[in-house]
C-alpha cells in the first residue's frame, strides 16, 4: 500500500459553523456519525488544567460525530482527533482534530500512488481550497503524518509542502528545490514500503 499524502489546514475558527462547513464539504456524515464503541483519546490535562507535556492521555466514549463536535467546543478545551469517512471516493479519509492552541485542524488524505508530481500538485490544490473555505492561517502536506495536536510545538516528521511557505515567498530563491527534494523522498518511501 503506497503512503498517503496528509493534507492539513489549521484554523483559529474553532466554532460550530466552520466545523459544519468542513463536514458538509468533505465528510460522509451518515457513514461517520455512529462511532460504535470507539473512544476519544484526548491529551490529558495537568494539575493546573493545562495540556500535559508528557505522553498522558484521557479516554472517553466517542458516542457519535455530533457528540465529538460538541466535545471539541466545550471548556476546558481538549486536544484530540478523529478519523472520518469522506464524501469523495478519491480521498483516503478525513480528520477532524482540536489542538492545544485552541485551534481546529481539518485534514484529508489521498493515496500517493507512484509518488508522482501530479499527486502533490493535486494535494496543494486541495490544501489551498480547504484553507480558503475554512479560514485557515496555515497548513501543510505531510507523508503519513498525524494531525499536530500540540500545535506549534511539534513539526511534522516528513513535510512535503508547508503553507504559507517561506521557500515560495522569496522571489526566485529555492523555487522548485523544496518540491524536488520531497518528490525524491516520496519516491524512496514508495519503493521501500512493503507490498
Protein backbone atom coordinates (compact mmCIF):
# COMPACT_ATOMS: atom_id res chain seq x y z
CA UNK A 1 0.00 0.00 0.00
CA UNK A 2 1.51 3.35 -1.01
CA UNK A 3 1.97 6.06 1.58
CA UNK A 4 -0.69 8.76 1.87
CA UNK A 5 -0.28 12.47 1.47
CA UNK A 6 -1.95 14.00 4.53
CA UNK A 7 -3.32 17.49 3.89
CA UNK A 8 -3.99 19.61 6.98
CA UNK A 9 -5.17 23.17 7.45
CA UNK A 10 -5.18 24.83 10.85
CA UNK A 11 -7.83 27.40 11.64
CA UNK A 12 -8.38 29.66 14.64
CA UNK A 13 -12.14 29.37 13.85
CA UNK A 14 -12.83 26.66 16.43
CA UNK A 15 -16.59 27.08 16.12
CA UNK A 16 -19.60 25.04 15.03
CA UNK A 17 -20.16 26.97 11.78
CA UNK A 18 -16.64 26.31 10.44
CA UNK A 19 -16.67 22.67 11.58
CA UNK A 20 -20.04 22.09 9.91
CA UNK A 21 -18.70 23.68 6.70
CA UNK A 22 -15.83 21.13 6.70
CA UNK A 23 -18.18 18.23 7.44
CA UNK A 24 -20.58 19.27 4.65
CA UNK A 25 -17.81 19.67 2.08
CA UNK A 26 -15.58 16.67 2.81
CA UNK A 27 -17.19 14.15 5.20
CA UNK A 28 -19.78 11.44 4.64
CA UNK A 29 -21.79 12.42 7.69
CA UNK A 30 -24.08 9.37 7.62
CA UNK A 31 -21.15 6.94 7.45
CA UNK A 32 -19.21 8.83 10.15
CA UNK A 33 -21.99 9.59 12.66
CA UNK A 34 -22.24 6.31 14.59
CA UNK A 35 -18.93 5.65 16.38
CA UNK A 36 -19.83 2.29 17.93
CA UNK A 37 -17.63 1.56 20.95
CA UNK A 38 -14.82 3.88 19.78
CA UNK A 39 -13.23 6.11 22.41
CA UNK A 40 -11.78 9.61 22.16
CA UNK A 41 -8.08 9.67 23.02
CA UNK A 42 -7.60 13.16 24.47
CA UNK A 43 -4.37 14.77 25.58
CA UNK A 44 -4.54 14.79 29.38
CA UNK A 45 -4.67 17.98 31.41
CA UNK A 46 -2.14 18.56 34.19
CA UNK A 47 -2.98 19.64 37.76
CA UNK A 48 -3.40 23.28 36.65
CA UNK A 49 -5.81 22.44 33.81
CA UNK A 50 -3.18 22.96 31.09
CA UNK A 51 -2.43 20.29 28.44
CA UNK A 52 0.05 17.70 29.65
CA UNK A 53 3.55 17.97 28.22
CA UNK A 54 4.08 14.23 28.62
CA UNK A 55 2.55 11.28 26.82
CA UNK A 56 -0.54 11.20 29.07
CA UNK A 57 -4.00 10.57 27.65
CA UNK A 58 -7.58 10.53 28.88
CA UNK A 59 -10.20 8.29 27.31
CA UNK A 60 -13.95 8.75 26.99
CA UNK A 61 -16.67 7.29 24.73
CA UNK A 62 -16.94 8.91 21.30
CA UNK A 63 -20.69 8.17 21.12
CA UNK A 64 -21.33 9.86 17.76
CA UNK A 65 -19.99 12.60 15.49
CA UNK A 66 -22.43 15.15 16.90
CA UNK A 67 -21.07 14.46 20.40
CA UNK A 68 -17.48 14.70 19.12
CA UNK A 69 -18.12 18.17 17.66
CA UNK A 70 -19.82 19.24 20.92
CA UNK A 71 -16.85 17.89 22.91
CA UNK A 72 -14.39 19.81 20.75
CA UNK A 73 -16.24 23.05 21.55
CA UNK A 74 -16.59 22.52 25.32
CA UNK A 75 -14.43 24.08 28.01
CA UNK A 76 -11.84 23.33 29.14
CA UNK A 77 -10.62 22.91 25.59
CA UNK A 78 -9.18 19.47 24.89
CA UNK A 79 -6.81 18.24 22.18
CA UNK A 80 -7.88 15.14 20.25
CA UNK A 81 -8.52 13.86 16.74
CA UNK A 82 -10.97 11.55 14.98
CA UNK A 83 -10.84 9.81 11.62
CA UNK A 84 -13.86 10.17 9.36
CA UNK A 85 -15.10 8.78 6.06
CA UNK A 86 -15.01 11.12 3.06
CA UNK A 87 -17.65 12.06 0.51
CA UNK A 88 -15.06 11.97 -2.28
CA UNK A 89 -14.02 8.37 -3.04
CA UNK A 90 -10.68 9.61 -4.41
CA UNK A 91 -9.71 10.66 -0.88
CA UNK A 92 -8.49 8.00 1.56
CA UNK A 93 -10.01 9.60 4.67
CA UNK A 94 -10.68 12.76 6.63
CA UNK A 95 -9.59 14.01 10.06
CA UNK A 96 -11.18 16.46 12.46
CA UNK A 97 -8.83 17.50 15.27
CA UNK A 98 -8.56 20.07 18.01
CA UNK A 99 -5.14 21.25 19.24
CA UNK A 100 -3.71 22.67 22.46
CA UNK A 101 -3.63 26.19 20.97
CA UNK A 102 -7.46 26.35 20.82
CA UNK A 103 -7.46 25.82 17.05
CA UNK A 104 -9.25 23.31 14.86
CA UNK A 105 -7.39 21.12 12.38
CA UNK A 106 -9.11 19.88 9.24
CA UNK A 107 -7.49 17.13 7.23
CA UNK A 108 -7.93 14.82 4.28
CA UNK A 109 -5.64 12.08 2.98
CA UNK A 110 -5.03 10.93 -0.55
CA UNK A 111 -3.08 7.99 -1.97
CA UNK A 112 0.35 8.93 -3.24
CA UNK A 113 0.49 6.06 -5.74
CA UNK A 114 3.82 6.19 -7.53
CA UNK A 115 4.85 9.36 -5.68
CA UNK A 116 4.07 11.29 -8.87
CA UNK A 117 4.45 15.06 -9.06
CA UNK A 118 0.78 15.39 -10.04
CA UNK A 119 -0.26 13.81 -6.72
CA UNK A 120 1.50 16.56 -4.80
CA UNK A 121 0.07 19.22 -7.14
CA UNK A 122 -3.47 17.90 -6.57
CA UNK A 123 -2.80 17.86 -2.80
CA UNK A 124 -1.66 21.51 -2.96
CA UNK A 125 -4.87 22.44 -4.78
CA UNK A 126 -6.95 20.70 -2.11
CA UNK A 127 -4.94 22.42 0.67
CA UNK A 128 -5.50 25.87 -0.82
CA UNK A 129 -9.23 25.21 -1.34
CA UNK A 130 -9.59 23.99 2.26
CA UNK A 131 -7.60 26.94 3.61
CA UNK A 132 -9.82 29.44 1.83
CA UNK A 133 -13.10 27.69 2.71
CA UNK A 134 -12.23 27.11 6.38
CA UNK A 135 -10.41 30.33 7.31
CA UNK A 136 -7.07 28.62 7.86
CA UNK A 137 -3.98 30.60 8.75
CA UNK A 138 -1.53 27.80 7.99
CA UNK A 139 -1.35 24.24 6.81
CA UNK A 140 0.89 21.57 5.40
CA UNK A 141 1.05 18.38 3.41
CA UNK A 142 2.86 15.56 5.16
CA UNK A 143 3.57 11.94 4.36
CA UNK A 144 1.73 9.58 6.74
CA UNK A 145 1.51 12.34 9.38
CA UNK A 146 -0.97 12.58 12.25
CA UNK A 147 -2.51 15.98 13.00
CA UNK A 148 -0.29 18.23 15.19
CA UNK A 149 -2.31 18.17 18.43
CA UNK A 150 0.45 20.00 20.29
CA UNK A 151 0.09 22.97 17.98
CA UNK A 152 3.27 24.75 17.01
CA UNK A 153 5.28 22.68 19.50
CA UNK A 154 5.71 19.68 17.17
CA UNK A 155 6.55 19.92 13.48
CA UNK A 156 5.71 17.12 11.01
CA UNK A 157 8.35 14.44 10.55
CA UNK A 158 8.06 14.30 6.76
CA UNK A 159 6.89 17.63 5.41
CA UNK A 160 6.08 17.64 1.69
CA UNK A 161 4.72 21.19 1.46
CA UNK A 162 4.22 23.97 4.02
CA UNK A 163 1.67 26.78 3.63
CA UNK A 164 2.36 29.61 3.73
CA UNK A 165 5.85 28.79 2.56
CA UNK A 166 8.94 30.89 3.16
CA UNK A 167 10.55 28.96 0.29
CA UNK A 168 7.99 30.31 -2.17
CA UNK A 169 7.73 33.80 -0.70
CA UNK A 170 11.33 34.69 -1.51
CA UNK A 171 11.29 35.66 -5.17
CA UNK A 172 13.37 33.24 -7.17
CA UNK A 173 15.10 31.62 -4.20
CA UNK A 174 14.86 27.85 -3.96
CA UNK A 175 11.89 27.70 -6.36
CA UNK A 176 11.41 24.01 -7.09
CA UNK A 177 14.26 22.69 -4.94
CA UNK A 178 11.94 22.12 -1.97
CA UNK A 179 9.43 20.18 -4.07
CA UNK A 180 12.17 18.24 -5.87
CA UNK A 181 13.71 17.13 -2.58
CA UNK A 182 10.39 15.87 -1.25
CA UNK A 183 9.47 14.20 -4.53
CA UNK A 184 12.72 12.22 -4.19
CA UNK A 185 11.88 11.42 -0.57
CA UNK A 186 8.36 10.30 -1.51
CA UNK A 187 9.78 8.06 -4.28
CA UNK A 188 12.13 6.49 -1.72
CA UNK A 189 9.23 5.85 0.69
CA UNK A 190 7.06 4.42 -2.09
CA UNK A 191 9.68 1.97 -3.33
CA UNK A 192 10.84 0.98 0.15
CA UNK A 193 7.32 0.29 1.51
CA UNK A 194 6.33 -3.38 1.86
CA UNK A 195 3.95 -4.72 -0.77
